[in-house]
């Protein structure tokens, strides 16, 4: 069986492949992921508010 870290995802590695940060998320990812999530929520809210919707998500 392999090492537990073989299946893990890390965002930042050193040039030699060693993990430089064990953090799964950092402040640099927010500007890319938050607008996409806001857009998704906005779309879902529009679906809920549409007249042909029965109120289900």
PDB file of N, CA and C in Angstrom:
ATOM      1  N   UNK A   1       0.844  -1.176   0.000  1.00  0.00           N
ATOM      2  CA  UNK A   1       0.000   0.000   0.000  1.00  0.00           C
ATOM      3  C   UNK A   1       0.887   1.236   0.000  1.00  0.00           C
ATOM      4  N   UNK A   2       0.464   2.296  -0.701  1.00  0.00           N
ATOM      5  CA  UNK A   2       1.264   3.508  -0.835  1.00  0.00           C
ATOM      6  C   UNK A   2       1.194   4.400   0.380  1.00  0.00           C
ATOM      7  N   UNK A   3       1.996   5.413   0.351  1.00  0.00           N
ATOM      8  CA  UNK A   3       2.038   6.417   1.415  1.00  0.00           C
ATOM      9  C   UNK A   3       0.775   7.267   1.355  1.00  0.00           C
ATOM     10  N   UNK A   4       0.315   7.761   2.491  1.00  0.00           N
ATOM     11  CA  UNK A   4      -0.932   8.533   2.550  1.00  0.00           C
ATOM     12  C   UNK A   4      -0.863   9.797   1.705  1.00  0.00           C
ATOM     13  N   UNK A   5       0.302  10.411   1.557  1.00  0.00           N
ATOM     14  CA  UNK A   5       0.416  11.653   0.799  1.00  0.00           C
ATOM     15  C   UNK A   5       0.351  11.439  -0.708  1.00  0.00           C
ATOM     16  N   UNK A   6       0.474  10.210  -1.168  1.00  0.00           N
ATOM     17  CA  UNK A   6       0.431   9.949  -2.607  1.00  0.00           C
ATOM     18  C   UNK A   6      -0.927  10.304  -3.212  1.00  0.00           C
ATOM     19  N   UNK A   7      -1.977  10.199  -2.438  1.00  0.00           N
ATOM     20  CA  UNK A   7      -3.317  10.478  -2.934  1.00  0.00           C
ATOM     21  C   UNK A   7      -3.778  11.894  -2.629  1.00  0.00           C
ATOM     22  N   UNK A   8      -3.026  12.614  -1.837  1.00  0.00           N
ATOM     23  CA  UNK A   8      -3.438  13.960  -1.429  1.00  0.00           C
ATOM     24  C   UNK A   8      -3.088  14.970  -2.511  1.00  0.00           C
ATOM     25  N   UNK A   9      -3.809  16.079  -2.499  1.00  0.00           N
ATOM     26  CA  UNK A   9      -3.567  17.156  -3.441  1.00  0.00           C
ATOM     27  C   UNK A   9      -3.017  18.340  -2.667  1.00  0.00           C
ATOM     28  N   UNK A  10      -1.928  18.899  -3.157  1.00  0.00           N
ATOM     29  CA  UNK A  10      -1.331  20.078  -2.557  1.00  0.00           C
ATOM     30  C   UNK A  10      -1.113  21.107  -3.646  1.00  0.00           C
ATOM     31  N   UNK A  11      -1.414  22.354  -3.337  1.00  0.00           N
ATOM     32  CA  UNK A  11      -1.357  23.405  -4.343  1.00  0.00           C
ATOM     33  C   UNK A  11       0.027  23.924  -4.648  1.00  0.00           C
ATOM     34  N   UNK A  12       0.954  23.781  -3.715  1.00  0.00           N
ATOM     35  CA  UNK A  12       2.271  24.377  -3.912  1.00  0.00           C
ATOM     36  C   UNK A  12       3.369  23.374  -3.619  1.00  0.00           C
ATOM     37  N   UNK A  13       4.204  23.152  -4.601  1.00  0.00           N
ATOM     38  CA  UNK A  13       5.344  22.256  -4.453  1.00  0.00           C
ATOM     39  C   UNK A  13       6.620  23.018  -4.778  1.00  0.00           C
ATOM     40  N   UNK A  14       7.722  22.544  -4.196  1.00  0.00           N
ATOM     41  CA  UNK A  14       9.031  23.093  -4.558  1.00  0.00           C
ATOM     42  C   UNK A  14       9.442  22.502  -5.897  1.00  0.00           C
ATOM     43  N   UNK A  15      10.478  23.047  -6.478  1.00  0.00           N
ATOM     44  CA  UNK A  15      10.930  22.558  -7.795  1.00  0.00           C
ATOM     45  C   UNK A  15      11.309  21.085  -7.785  1.00  0.00           C
ATOM     46  N   UNK A  16      11.775  20.603  -6.649  1.00  0.00           N
ATOM     47  CA  UNK A  16      12.167  19.193  -6.571  1.00  0.00           C
ATOM     48  C   UNK A  16      10.987  18.267  -6.254  1.00  0.00           C
ATOM     49  N   UNK A  17       9.774  18.828  -6.134  1.00  0.00           N
ATOM     50  CA  UNK A  17       8.584  18.026  -5.911  1.00  0.00           C
ATOM     51  C   UNK A  17       8.168  17.902  -4.460  1.00  0.00           C
ATOM     52  N   UNK A  18       8.976  18.396  -3.542  1.00  0.00           N
ATOM     53  CA  UNK A  18       8.591  18.350  -2.125  1.00  0.00           C
ATOM     54  C   UNK A  18       7.484  19.365  -1.868  1.00  0.00           C
ATOM     55  N   UNK A  19       6.647  19.056  -0.895  1.00  0.00           N
ATOM     56  CA  UNK A  19       5.529  19.937  -0.548  1.00  0.00           C
ATOM     57  C   UNK A  19       6.068  21.185   0.136  1.00  0.00           C
ATOM     58  N   UNK A  20       5.692  22.353  -0.375  1.00  0.00           N
ATOM     59  CA  UNK A  20       6.142  23.595   0.244  1.00  0.00           C
ATOM     60  C   UNK A  20       5.133  24.118   1.256  1.00  0.00           C
ATOM     61  N   UNK A  21       3.866  23.727   1.119  1.00  0.00           N
ATOM     62  CA  UNK A  21       2.832  24.133   2.064  1.00  0.00           C
ATOM     63  C   UNK A  21       1.789  23.039   2.140  1.00  0.00           C
ATOM     64  N   UNK A  22       1.434  22.647   3.354  1.00  0.00           N
ATOM     65  CA  UNK A  22       0.416  21.615   3.537  1.00  0.00           C
ATOM     66  C   UNK A  22      -0.989  22.189   3.487  1.00  0.00           C
ATOM     67  N   UNK A  23      -1.106  23.494   3.365  1.00  0.00           N
ATOM     68  CA  UNK A  23      -2.423  24.136   3.305  1.00  0.00           C
ATOM     69  C   UNK A  23      -3.140  23.720   2.026  1.00  0.00           C
ATOM     70  N   UNK A  24      -4.406  23.378   2.135  1.00  0.00           N
ATOM     71  CA  UNK A  24      -5.195  22.990   0.966  1.00  0.00           C
ATOM     72  C   UNK A  24      -5.711  24.197   0.213  1.00  0.00           C
ATOM     73  N   UNK A  25      -5.811  25.322   0.885  1.00  0.00           N
ATOM     74  CA  UNK A  25      -6.259  26.549   0.240  1.00  0.00           C
ATOM     75  C   UNK A  25      -5.477  27.728   0.793  1.00  0.00           C
ATOM     76  N   UNK A  26      -5.304  28.736   0.000  1.00  0.00           N
ATOM     77  CA  UNK A  26      -4.568  29.914   0.432  1.00  0.00           C
ATOM     78  C   UNK A  26      -5.317  31.167   0.005  1.00  0.00           C
ATOM     79  N   UNK A  27      -4.814  32.315   0.392  1.00  0.00           N
ATOM     80  CA  UNK A  27      -5.463  33.578   0.029  1.00  0.00           C
ATOM     81  C   UNK A  27      -5.409  33.827  -1.464  1.00  0.00           C
ATOM     82  N   UNK A  28      -4.517  33.184  -2.171  1.00  0.00           N
ATOM     83  CA  UNK A  28      -4.389  33.409  -3.611  1.00  0.00           C
ATOM     84  C   UNK A  28      -5.479  32.724  -4.413  1.00  0.00           C
ATOM     85  N   UNK A  29      -6.157  31.762  -3.840  1.00  0.00           N
ATOM     86  CA  UNK A  29      -7.202  31.055  -4.569  1.00  0.00           C
ATOM     87  C   UNK A  29      -8.533  31.767  -4.499  1.00  0.00           C
ATOM     88  N   UNK A  30      -8.758  32.591  -3.483  1.00  0.00           N
ATOM     89  CA  UNK A  30     -10.015  33.295  -3.308  1.00  0.00           C
ATOM     90  C   UNK A  30     -10.442  34.135  -4.499  1.00  0.00           C
ATOM     91  N   UNK A  31      -9.561  34.954  -5.076  1.00  0.00           N
ATOM     92  CA  UNK A  31      -9.982  35.801  -6.195  1.00  0.00           C
ATOM     93  C   UNK A  31     -10.474  35.019  -7.411  1.00  0.00           C
ATOM     94  N   UNK A  32     -10.129  33.760  -7.524  1.00  0.00           N
ATOM     95  CA  UNK A  32     -10.551  32.966  -8.667  1.00  0.00           C
ATOM     96  C   UNK A  32     -11.803  32.155  -8.359  1.00  0.00           C
ATOM     97  N   UNK A  33     -11.895  31.606  -7.154  1.00  0.00           N
ATOM     98  CA  UNK A  33     -13.000  30.726  -6.823  1.00  0.00           C
ATOM     99  C   UNK A  33     -14.236  31.463  -6.307  1.00  0.00           C
ATOM    100  N   UNK A  34     -14.053  32.542  -5.568  1.00  0.00           N
ATOM    101  CA  UNK A  34     -15.207  33.251  -5.013  1.00  0.00           C
ATOM    102  C   UNK A  34     -16.116  33.842  -6.077  1.00  0.00           C
ATOM    103  N   UNK A  35     -15.615  34.549  -7.084  1.00  0.00           N
ATOM    104  CA  UNK A  35     -16.533  35.062  -8.113  1.00  0.00           C
ATOM    105  C   UNK A  35     -17.302  33.958  -8.827  1.00  0.00           C
ATOM    106  N   UNK A  36     -16.639  32.848  -9.075  1.00  0.00           N
ATOM    107  CA  UNK A  36     -17.324  31.728  -9.727  1.00  0.00           C
ATOM    108  C   UNK A  36     -18.444  31.197  -8.839  1.00  0.00           C
ATOM    109  N   UNK A  37     -18.215  31.118  -7.532  1.00  0.00           N
ATOM    110  CA  UNK A  37     -19.236  30.635  -6.617  1.00  0.00           C
ATOM    111  C   UNK A  37     -20.371  31.638  -6.481  1.00  0.00           C
ATOM    112  N   UNK A  38     -20.058  32.937  -6.453  1.00  0.00           N
ATOM    113  CA  UNK A  38     -21.110  33.960  -6.413  1.00  0.00           C
ATOM    114  C   UNK A  38     -21.982  33.867  -7.661  1.00  0.00           C
ATOM    115  N   UNK A  39     -21.359  33.680  -8.815  1.00  0.00           N
ATOM    116  CA  UNK A  39     -22.114  33.546 -10.062  1.00  0.00           C
ATOM    117  C   UNK A  39     -23.023  32.317 -10.001  1.00  0.00           C
ATOM    118  N   UNK A  40     -22.503  31.199  -9.500  1.00  0.00           N
ATOM    119  CA  UNK A  40     -23.287  29.980  -9.394  1.00  0.00           C
ATOM    120  C   UNK A  40     -24.489  30.184  -8.469  1.00  0.00           C
ATOM    121  N   UNK A  41     -24.259  30.817  -7.315  1.00  0.00           N
ATOM    122  CA  UNK A  41     -25.360  31.071  -6.374  1.00  0.00           C
ATOM    123  C   UNK A  41     -26.411  31.973  -7.003  1.00  0.00           C
ATOM    124  N   UNK A  42     -25.967  32.981  -7.719  1.00  0.00           N
ATOM    125  CA  UNK A  42     -26.880  33.905  -8.399  1.00  0.00           C
ATOM    126  C   UNK A  42     -27.758  33.141  -9.399  1.00  0.00           C
ATOM    127  N   UNK A  43     -27.150  32.253 -10.182  1.00  0.00           N
ATOM    128  CA  UNK A  43     -27.890  31.455 -11.142  1.00  0.00           C
ATOM    129  C   UNK A  43     -28.910  30.550 -10.449  1.00  0.00           C
ATOM    130  N   UNK A  44     -28.497  29.925  -9.351  1.00  0.00           N
ATOM    131  CA  UNK A  44     -29.414  29.042  -8.618  1.00  0.00           C
ATOM    132  C   UNK A  44     -30.571  29.829  -8.021  1.00  0.00           C
ATOM    133  N   UNK A  45     -30.299  31.021  -7.490  1.00  0.00           N
ATOM    134  CA  UNK A  45     -31.371  31.839  -6.929  1.00  0.00           C
ATOM    135  C   UNK A  45     -32.357  32.270  -8.012  1.00  0.00           C
ATOM    136  N   UNK A  46     -31.858  32.572  -9.196  1.00  0.00           N
ATOM    137  CA  UNK A  46     -32.754  32.916 -10.298  1.00  0.00           C
ATOM    138  C   UNK A  46     -33.640  31.728 -10.669  1.00  0.00           C
ATOM    139  N   UNK A  47     -33.091  30.530 -10.616  1.00  0.00           N
ATOM    140  CA  UNK A  47     -33.885  29.340 -10.908  1.00  0.00           C
ATOM    141  C   UNK A  47     -34.988  29.157  -9.875  1.00  0.00           C
ATOM    142  N   UNK A  48     -34.674  29.385  -8.614  1.00  0.00           N
ATOM    143  CA  UNK A  48     -35.655  29.225  -7.548  1.00  0.00           C
ATOM    144  C   UNK A  48     -36.764  30.263  -7.679  1.00  0.00           C
ATOM    145  N   UNK A  49     -36.414  31.471  -8.095  1.00  0.00           N
ATOM    146  CA  UNK A  49     -37.391  32.548  -8.190  1.00  0.00           C
ATOM    147  C   UNK A  49     -38.215  32.519  -9.480  1.00  0.00           C
ATOM    148  N   UNK A  50     -37.855  31.693 -10.412  1.00  0.00           N
ATOM    149  CA  UNK A  50     -38.584  31.666 -11.681  1.00  0.00           C
ATOM    150  C   UNK A  50     -40.011  31.164 -11.475  1.00  0.00           C
ATOM    151  N   UNK A  51     -40.961  31.717 -12.242  1.00  0.00           N
ATOM    152  CA  UNK A  51     -42.373  31.342 -12.066  1.00  0.00           C
ATOM    153  C   UNK A  51     -42.671  29.877 -12.353  1.00  0.00           C
ATOM    154  N   UNK A  52     -41.914  29.237 -13.237  1.00  0.00           N
ATOM    155  CA  UNK A  52     -42.191  27.851 -13.581  1.00  0.00           C
ATOM    156  C   UNK A  52     -41.570  26.863 -12.589  1.00  0.00           C
ATOM    157  N   UNK A  53     -40.854  27.368 -11.592  1.00  0.00           N
ATOM    158  CA  UNK A  53     -40.236  26.504 -10.591  1.00  0.00           C
ATOM    159  C   UNK A  53     -41.233  26.211  -9.474  1.00  0.00           C
ATOM    160  N   UNK A  54     -41.214  24.993  -8.991  1.00  0.00           N
ATOM    161  CA  UNK A  54     -42.116  24.597  -7.906  1.00  0.00           C
ATOM    162  C   UNK A  54     -41.488  24.824  -6.532  1.00  0.00           C
ATOM    163  N   UNK A  55     -40.347  25.524  -6.465  1.00  0.00           N
ATOM    164  CA  UNK A  55     -39.687  25.796  -5.190  1.00  0.00           C
ATOM    165  C   UNK A  55     -38.608  24.795  -4.842  1.00  0.00           C
ATOM    166  N   UNK A  56     -38.350  23.842  -5.714  1.00  0.00           N
ATOM    167  CA  UNK A  56     -37.321  22.834  -5.439  1.00  0.00           C
ATOM    168  C   UNK A  56     -35.970  23.329  -5.925  1.00  0.00           C
ATOM    169  N   UNK A  57     -34.933  22.945  -5.202  1.00  0.00           N
ATOM    170  CA  UNK A  57     -33.577  23.301  -5.632  1.00  0.00           C
ATOM    171  C   UNK A  57     -33.009  22.270  -6.532  1.00  0.00           C
TER     172      UNK A  57
END
